Amino acid sequence: SSCSFINMPLVGGYTDPKPADADVHHLTASLKGDAEAKAGKQFPLFEAVHYKSQVVAGTNYSIKVKVDDNDYAHVRVFKPLPHENRGPEVTAVEVNKSLGDAL
């Protein structure tokens, strides 16, 4: 008999926060409109600063995004597994955050 773990995600806690890399910058930029709609406001800037991630049946991201000179938002994103043929989605946006606020 063979074992298949394809439908068994490796579930764990979030990673420690780390500086945003190219993939997270691209992901964040692609979701600006969605984040603005969820927050109910426009963001003059939308630049990923730090992030942490969690592997589930896909990946959850918590991203600190610079939205103005001294204003930040925490954006939660779910990116499904590739075989699901669905794009990433913004699941939550917390506004009025500072650079020093825990992610």
C-alpha atoms as a PDB file:
ATOM      1  CA  SER A   1       0.000   0.000   0.000  1.00  0.00           C
ATOM      2  CA  SER A   2       1.208   3.512  -0.700  1.00  0.00           C
ATOM      3  CA  CYS A   3       0.822   6.593   1.416  1.00  0.00           C
ATOM      4  CA  SER A   4      -0.106   9.922  -0.080  1.00  0.00           C
ATOM      5  CA  PHE A   5       0.234  13.124   1.866  1.00  0.00           C
ATOM      6  CA  ILE A   6      -0.866  15.432  -0.947  1.00  0.00           C
ATOM      7  CA  ASN A   7      -3.990  16.499   0.964  1.00  0.00           C
ATOM      8  CA  MET A   8      -2.230  16.611   4.324  1.00  0.00           C
ATOM      9  CA  PRO A   9      -0.783  20.113   4.774  1.00  0.00           C
ATOM     10  CA  LEU A  10       2.132  20.664   7.100  1.00  0.00           C
ATOM     11  CA  VAL A  11       0.574  22.973   9.647  1.00  0.00           C
ATOM     12  CA  GLY A  12       2.580  25.113  12.009  1.00  0.00           C
ATOM     13  CA  GLY A  13       2.794  28.501  13.598  1.00  0.00           C
ATOM     14  CA  TYR A  14       3.887  31.686  11.915  1.00  0.00           C
ATOM     15  CA  THR A  15       7.575  32.219  11.164  1.00  0.00           C
ATOM     16  CA  ASP A  16       9.410  35.028  12.913  1.00  0.00           C
ATOM     17  CA  PRO A  17       8.998  38.367  11.100  1.00  0.00           C
ATOM     18  CA  LYS A  18      11.588  38.970   8.377  1.00  0.00           C
ATOM     19  CA  PRO A  19      12.290  41.713   5.815  1.00  0.00           C
ATOM     20  CA  ALA A  20      10.008  41.607   2.780  1.00  0.00           C
ATOM     21  CA  ASP A  21      11.632  39.825  -0.172  1.00  0.00           C
ATOM     22  CA  ALA A  22      10.901  40.182  -3.898  1.00  0.00           C
ATOM     23  CA  ASP A  23       8.052  37.623  -3.790  1.00  0.00           C
ATOM     24  CA  VAL A  24       6.321  39.420  -0.914  1.00  0.00           C
ATOM     25  CA  HIS A  25       6.798  42.821  -2.601  1.00  0.00           C
ATOM     26  CA  HIS A  26       5.146  41.443  -5.762  1.00  0.00           C
ATOM     27  CA  LEU A  27       2.321  39.761  -3.802  1.00  0.00           C
ATOM     28  CA  THR A  28       1.654  42.945  -1.814  1.00  0.00           C
ATOM     29  CA  ALA A  29       1.664  45.207  -4.887  1.00  0.00           C
ATOM     30  CA  SER A  30      -0.816  42.923  -6.672  1.00  0.00           C
ATOM     31  CA  LEU A  31      -3.290  43.195  -3.780  1.00  0.00           C
ATOM     32  CA  LYS A  32      -3.309  46.967  -3.135  1.00  0.00           C
ATOM     33  CA  GLY A  33      -6.814  47.462  -4.568  1.00  0.00           C
ATOM     34  CA  ASP A  34      -8.213  44.542  -2.574  1.00  0.00           C
ATOM     35  CA  ALA A  35      -6.625  45.829   0.645  1.00  0.00           C
ATOM     36  CA  GLU A  36      -7.991  49.339   0.028  1.00  0.00           C
ATOM     37  CA  ALA A  37     -11.482  47.926  -0.566  1.00  0.00           C
ATOM     38  CA  LYS A  38     -11.330  45.856   2.639  1.00  0.00           C
ATOM     39  CA  ALA A  39     -10.001  48.829   4.657  1.00  0.00           C
ATOM     40  CA  GLY A  40     -12.465  51.260   3.067  1.00  0.00           C
ATOM     41  CA  LYS A  41      -9.739  53.793   2.311  1.00  0.00           C
ATOM     42  CA  GLN A  42      -7.072  54.676  -0.242  1.00  0.00           C
ATOM     43  CA  PHE A  43      -3.392  54.235   0.639  1.00  0.00           C
ATOM     44  CA  PRO A  44      -0.940  56.831  -0.814  1.00  0.00           C
ATOM     45  CA  LEU A  45       1.843  54.208  -0.548  1.00  0.00           C
ATOM     46  CA  PHE A  46       1.642  50.410  -0.418  1.00  0.00           C
ATOM     47  CA  GLU A  47       5.101  48.965   0.162  1.00  0.00           C
ATOM     48  CA  ALA A  48       5.802  45.732   2.056  1.00  0.00           C
ATOM     49  CA  VAL A  49       8.300  46.169   4.908  1.00  0.00           C
ATOM     50  CA  HIS A  50       8.247  42.961   6.974  1.00  0.00           C
ATOM     51  CA  TYR A  51       6.247  39.748   6.854  1.00  0.00           C
ATOM     52  CA  LYS A  52       5.718  36.419   8.517  1.00  0.00           C
ATOM     53  CA  SER A  53       4.153  33.349   6.976  1.00  0.00           C
ATOM     54  CA  GLN A  54       2.379  30.156   7.997  1.00  0.00           C
ATOM     55  CA  VAL A  55       2.011  27.006   5.910  1.00  0.00           C
ATOM     56  CA  VAL A  56      -1.547  25.660   5.906  1.00  0.00           C
ATOM     57  CA  ALA A  57      -3.418  24.290   2.840  1.00  0.00           C
ATOM     58  CA  GLY A  58      -1.627  27.138   1.060  1.00  0.00           C
ATOM     59  CA  THR A  59       0.185  29.943   2.850  1.00  0.00           C
ATOM     60  CA  ASN A  60      -1.050  32.655   5.197  1.00  0.00           C
ATOM     61  CA  TYR A  61       0.950  35.873   5.143  1.00  0.00           C
ATOM     62  CA  SER A  62       0.881  38.696   7.657  1.00  0.00           C
ATOM     63  CA  ILE A  63       2.564  41.662   5.968  1.00  0.00           C
ATOM     64  CA  LYS A  64       3.511  45.042   7.447  1.00  0.00           C
ATOM     65  CA  VAL A  65       2.870  47.532   4.654  1.00  0.00           C
ATOM     66  CA  LYS A  66       4.002  51.167   4.597  1.00  0.00           C
ATOM     67  CA  VAL A  67       0.948  53.127   3.430  1.00  0.00           C
ATOM     68  CA  ASP A  68       2.159  56.709   4.047  1.00  0.00           C
ATOM     69  CA  ASP A  69       5.190  58.525   5.480  1.00  0.00           C
ATOM     70  CA  ASN A  70       4.750  57.322   9.076  1.00  0.00           C
ATOM     71  CA  ASP A  71       1.683  55.121   8.663  1.00  0.00           C
ATOM     72  CA  TYR A  72       1.524  51.367   8.306  1.00  0.00           C
ATOM     73  CA  ALA A  73      -1.106  48.676   7.837  1.00  0.00           C
ATOM     74  CA  HIS A  74      -1.042  44.985   8.700  1.00  0.00           C
ATOM     75  CA  VAL A  75      -2.398  43.029   5.745  1.00  0.00           C
ATOM     76  CA  ARG A  76      -3.328  39.363   6.048  1.00  0.00           C
ATOM     77  CA  VAL A  77      -3.233  37.374   2.805  1.00  0.00           C
ATOM     78  CA  PHE A  78      -4.109  33.776   1.999  1.00  0.00           C
ATOM     79  CA  LYS A  79      -2.325  32.299  -1.024  1.00  0.00           C
ATOM     80  CA  PRO A  80      -3.882  28.933  -2.002  1.00  0.00           C
ATOM     81  CA  LEU A  81      -1.869  25.999  -3.286  1.00  0.00           C
ATOM     82  CA  PRO A  82      -1.112  26.235  -7.038  1.00  0.00           C
ATOM     83  CA  HIS A  83      -3.372  23.307  -8.010  1.00  0.00           C
ATOM     84  CA  GLU A  84      -6.424  25.198  -6.687  1.00  0.00           C
ATOM     85  CA  ASN A  85      -6.154  27.683  -9.593  1.00  0.00           C
ATOM     86  CA  ARG A  86      -7.189  30.611  -7.382  1.00  0.00           C
ATOM     87  CA  GLY A  87      -5.272  33.806  -6.803  1.00  0.00           C
ATOM     88  CA  PRO A  88      -4.242  35.158  -3.412  1.00  0.00           C
ATOM     89  CA  GLU A  89      -6.840  37.042  -1.383  1.00  0.00           C
ATOM     90  CA  VAL A  90      -6.728  39.718   1.283  1.00  0.00           C
ATOM     91  CA  THR A  91      -8.419  38.297   4.389  1.00  0.00           C
ATOM     92  CA  ALA A  92      -7.943  41.247   6.774  1.00  0.00           C
ATOM     93  CA  VAL A  93      -6.476  44.741   6.966  1.00  0.00           C
ATOM     94  CA  GLU A  94      -5.566  46.568  10.180  1.00  0.00           C
ATOM     95  CA  VAL A  95      -4.856  50.284   9.673  1.00  0.00           C
ATOM     96  CA  ASN A  96      -3.228  52.988  11.830  1.00  0.00           C
ATOM     97  CA  LYS A  97      -0.248  50.803  12.716  1.00  0.00           C
ATOM     98  CA  SER A  98       3.307  51.962  13.374  1.00  0.00           C
ATOM     99  CA  LEU A  99       6.617  50.475  12.276  1.00  0.00           C
ATOM    100  CA  GLY A 100       7.177  49.285  15.858  1.00  0.00           C
ATOM    101  CA  ASP A 101       3.820  47.513  16.265  1.00  0.00           C
ATOM    102  CA  ALA A 102       4.134  43.725  16.510  1.00  0.00           C
ATOM    103  CA  LEU A 103       3.029  42.012  13.334  1.00  0.00           C
END
